[in-house]
Amino acid sequence: MRNFRELTAWQIAFDLARLIYRHTDALPRSEEFGLKAQMRRAAISIPSNLAEGAGRSTRKDFFNFVTIARGSLNELQTQVLLSAELGFLSSADVNHLQTVIDRLYALLNGLRNSLNAER
């Protein structure tokens, strides 16, 4: 359908995944298979679903994958907030991540609205 790498939402999501990988390196070893793994899975799920959806043959399919990506973003946001509450992330890191999450959420909503209008 389109080249996913040209989507601004995919680019921001990819950058967010890289940020999450960097920030989760500092999580305690006890979180290796817990919060650290969950955050990384949620983060990589976002650009992955955008890429898969962009490769589908219908707008309806793409819309569904954008919706899944948005759900993964909500999951990640919850995990970032929990990491902050547990003292695993600094408030500066959380603020930066939240800014990126908010921007990406707006982009995903815009993309969903655009795809929904074209259906």
C-alpha atoms as a PDB file:
ATOM      1  CA  MET A   1       0.000   0.000   0.000  1.00  0.00           C
ATOM      2  CA  ARG A   2       2.747   2.497   0.963  1.00  0.00           C
ATOM      3  CA  ASN A   3       6.362   2.629   2.072  1.00  0.00           C
ATOM      4  CA  PHE A   4       6.152   2.420   5.855  1.00  0.00           C
ATOM      5  CA  ARG A   5       9.528   4.124   6.315  1.00  0.00           C
ATOM      6  CA  GLU A   6       8.058   7.329   4.885  1.00  0.00           C
ATOM      7  CA  LEU A   7       5.351   7.467   7.557  1.00  0.00           C
ATOM      8  CA  THR A   8       6.154  10.052  10.219  1.00  0.00           C
ATOM      9  CA  ALA A   9       4.330   7.896  12.774  1.00  0.00           C
ATOM     10  CA  TRP A  10       6.583   4.933  11.943  1.00  0.00           C
ATOM     11  CA  GLN A  11       9.715   7.103  12.217  1.00  0.00           C
ATOM     12  CA  ILE A  12       8.693   8.440  15.637  1.00  0.00           C
ATOM     13  CA  ALA A  13       7.668   4.942  16.783  1.00  0.00           C
ATOM     14  CA  PHE A  14      11.022   3.545  15.664  1.00  0.00           C
ATOM     15  CA  ASP A  15      12.848   6.299  17.578  1.00  0.00           C
ATOM     16  CA  LEU A  16      10.692   5.606  20.637  1.00  0.00           C
ATOM     17  CA  ALA A  17      11.593   1.916  20.497  1.00  0.00           C
ATOM     18  CA  ARG A  18      15.291   2.835  20.446  1.00  0.00           C
ATOM     19  CA  LEU A  19      14.775   5.139  23.426  1.00  0.00           C
ATOM     20  CA  ILE A  20      12.986   2.402  25.350  1.00  0.00           C
ATOM     21  CA  TYR A  21      15.804  -0.058  24.677  1.00  0.00           C
ATOM     22  CA  ARG A  22      18.315   2.471  26.017  1.00  0.00           C
ATOM     23  CA  HIS A  23      16.271   3.371  29.084  1.00  0.00           C
ATOM     24  CA  THR A  24      15.451  -0.208  29.996  1.00  0.00           C
ATOM     25  CA  ASP A  25      19.140  -1.155  30.055  1.00  0.00           C
ATOM     26  CA  ALA A  26      19.266   0.520  33.466  1.00  0.00           C
ATOM     27  CA  LEU A  27      16.397  -1.504  34.944  1.00  0.00           C
ATOM     28  CA  PRO A  28      17.342  -3.930  37.708  1.00  0.00           C
ATOM     29  CA  ARG A  29      18.335  -7.443  36.747  1.00  0.00           C
ATOM     30  CA  SER A  30      15.249  -8.696  38.591  1.00  0.00           C
ATOM     31  CA  GLU A  31      13.171  -7.038  35.836  1.00  0.00           C
ATOM     32  CA  GLU A  32      14.981  -8.808  32.982  1.00  0.00           C
ATOM     33  CA  PHE A  33      11.968 -11.024  32.228  1.00  0.00           C
ATOM     34  CA  GLY A  34       9.373  -8.698  33.731  1.00  0.00           C
ATOM     35  CA  LEU A  35       8.976  -5.007  33.111  1.00  0.00           C
ATOM     36  CA  LYS A  36      12.076  -4.691  30.926  1.00  0.00           C
ATOM     37  CA  ALA A  37      10.922  -7.392  28.519  1.00  0.00           C
ATOM     38  CA  GLN A  38       7.325  -6.105  28.500  1.00  0.00           C
ATOM     39  CA  MET A  39       8.395  -2.540  27.720  1.00  0.00           C
ATOM     40  CA  ARG A  40      10.641  -3.663  24.908  1.00  0.00           C
ATOM     41  CA  ARG A  41       7.941  -5.878  23.384  1.00  0.00           C
ATOM     42  CA  ALA A  42       5.359  -3.095  23.541  1.00  0.00           C
ATOM     43  CA  ALA A  43       7.802  -0.552  22.091  1.00  0.00           C
ATOM     44  CA  ILE A  44       8.830  -2.683  19.124  1.00  0.00           C
ATOM     45  CA  SER A  45       5.227  -3.678  18.505  1.00  0.00           C
ATOM     46  CA  ILE A  46       4.309  -0.107  17.571  1.00  0.00           C
ATOM     47  CA  PRO A  47       6.530   0.410  14.487  1.00  0.00           C
ATOM     48  CA  SER A  48       6.171  -3.272  13.594  1.00  0.00           C
ATOM     49  CA  ASN A  49       2.388  -3.020  13.394  1.00  0.00           C
ATOM     50  CA  LEU A  50       2.614   0.184  11.378  1.00  0.00           C
ATOM     51  CA  ALA A  51       4.979  -1.523   8.944  1.00  0.00           C
ATOM     52  CA  GLU A  52       2.771  -4.594   8.644  1.00  0.00           C
ATOM     53  CA  GLY A  53      -0.381  -2.523   8.220  1.00  0.00           C
ATOM     54  CA  ALA A  54       1.205  -0.336   5.546  1.00  0.00           C
ATOM     55  CA  GLY A  55       1.981  -3.479   3.585  1.00  0.00           C
ATOM     56  CA  ARG A  56      -1.588  -4.741   3.637  1.00  0.00           C
ATOM     57  CA  SER A  57      -3.778  -4.384   0.591  1.00  0.00           C
ATOM     58  CA  THR A  58      -6.730  -2.520   2.104  1.00  0.00           C
ATOM     59  CA  ARG A  59      -7.192   0.657   4.114  1.00  0.00           C
ATOM     60  CA  LYS A  60      -9.376  -1.293   6.527  1.00  0.00           C
ATOM     61  CA  ASP A  61      -6.476  -3.642   7.296  1.00  0.00           C
ATOM     62  CA  PHE A  62      -4.092  -0.716   7.710  1.00  0.00           C
ATOM     63  CA  PHE A  63      -6.611   1.009  10.008  1.00  0.00           C
ATOM     64  CA  ASN A  64      -6.766  -2.117  12.176  1.00  0.00           C
ATOM     65  CA  PHE A  65      -2.968  -2.325  12.478  1.00  0.00           C
ATOM     66  CA  VAL A  66      -2.760   1.379  13.367  1.00  0.00           C
ATOM     67  CA  THR A  67      -5.335   0.690  16.081  1.00  0.00           C
ATOM     68  CA  ILE A  68      -3.210  -2.190  17.397  1.00  0.00           C
ATOM     69  CA  ALA A  69      -0.145   0.090  17.377  1.00  0.00           C
ATOM     70  CA  ARG A  70      -2.082   2.652  19.410  1.00  0.00           C
ATOM     71  CA  GLY A  71      -3.010  -0.042  21.913  1.00  0.00           C
ATOM     72  CA  SER A  72       0.649  -1.014  22.247  1.00  0.00           C
ATOM     73  CA  LEU A  73       1.498   2.642  22.803  1.00  0.00           C
ATOM     74  CA  ASN A  74      -1.032   2.788  25.651  1.00  0.00           C
ATOM     75  CA  GLU A  75       0.516  -0.367  27.106  1.00  0.00           C
ATOM     76  CA  LEU A  76       3.978   1.181  26.892  1.00  0.00           C
ATOM     77  CA  GLN A  77       2.811   4.403  28.501  1.00  0.00           C
ATOM     78  CA  THR A  78       1.441   2.414  31.445  1.00  0.00           C
ATOM     79  CA  GLN A  79       4.767   0.616  31.800  1.00  0.00           C
ATOM     80  CA  VAL A  80       6.737   3.879  31.670  1.00  0.00           C
ATOM     81  CA  LEU A  81       4.527   5.304  34.427  1.00  0.00           C
ATOM     82  CA  LEU A  82       4.998   2.172  36.527  1.00  0.00           C
ATOM     83  CA  SER A  83       8.761   2.329  35.998  1.00  0.00           C
ATOM     84  CA  ALA A  84       8.716   5.891  37.274  1.00  0.00           C
ATOM     85  CA  GLU A  85       6.634   4.955  40.313  1.00  0.00           C
ATOM     86  CA  LEU A  86       9.074   2.160  41.126  1.00  0.00           C
ATOM     87  CA  GLY A  87      12.023   4.547  40.814  1.00  0.00           C
ATOM     88  CA  PHE A  88      13.508   2.828  37.761  1.00  0.00           C
ATOM     89  CA  LEU A  89      13.308   5.927  35.527  1.00  0.00           C
ATOM     90  CA  SER A  90      14.154   9.506  36.417  1.00  0.00           C
ATOM     91  CA  SER A  91      11.502  12.193  36.122  1.00  0.00           C
ATOM     92  CA  ALA A  92      13.518  13.789  33.287  1.00  0.00           C
ATOM     93  CA  ASP A  93      13.504  10.483  31.380  1.00  0.00           C
ATOM     94  CA  VAL A  94       9.791  10.010  31.998  1.00  0.00           C
ATOM     95  CA  ASN A  95       9.036  13.564  30.835  1.00  0.00           C
ATOM     96  CA  HIS A  96      11.025  13.038  27.648  1.00  0.00           C
ATOM     97  CA  LEU A  97       9.373   9.689  26.953  1.00  0.00           C
ATOM     98  CA  GLN A  98       5.938  11.157  27.692  1.00  0.00           C
ATOM     99  CA  THR A  99       6.536  13.954  25.184  1.00  0.00           C
ATOM    100  CA  VAL A 100       7.393  11.407  22.483  1.00  0.00           C
ATOM    101  CA  ILE A 101       4.437   9.209  23.465  1.00  0.00           C
ATOM    102  CA  ASP A 102       2.031  12.160  23.297  1.00  0.00           C
ATOM    103  CA  ARG A 103       3.313  13.182  19.864  1.00  0.00           C
ATOM    104  CA  LEU A 104       3.067   9.639  18.555  1.00  0.00           C
ATOM    105  CA  TYR A 105      -0.429   9.204  19.985  1.00  0.00           C
ATOM    106  CA  ALA A 106      -1.562  12.327  18.114  1.00  0.00           C
ATOM    107  CA  LEU A 107       0.029  11.055  14.890  1.00  0.00           C
ATOM    108  CA  LEU A 108      -1.639   7.651  15.241  1.00  0.00           C
ATOM    109  CA  ASN A 109      -5.016   9.270  15.873  1.00  0.00           C
ATOM    110  CA  GLY A 110      -4.545  11.470  12.813  1.00  0.00           C
ATOM    111  CA  LEU A 111      -3.584   8.467  10.707  1.00  0.00           C
ATOM    112  CA  ARG A 112      -6.614   6.503  11.957  1.00  0.00           C
ATOM    113  CA  ASN A 113      -8.916   9.435  11.195  1.00  0.00           C
ATOM    114  CA  SER A 114      -7.450   9.793   7.728  1.00  0.00           C
ATOM    115  CA  LEU A 115      -7.796   6.104   6.966  1.00  0.00           C
ATOM    116  CA  ASN A 116     -11.319   6.021   8.399  1.00  0.00           C
ATOM    117  CA  ALA A 117     -12.372   8.970   6.179  1.00  0.00           C
ATOM    118  CA  GLU A 118     -11.042   7.176   3.085  1.00  0.00           C
ATOM    119  CA  ARG A 119     -12.918   3.911   3.768  1.00  0.00           C
END
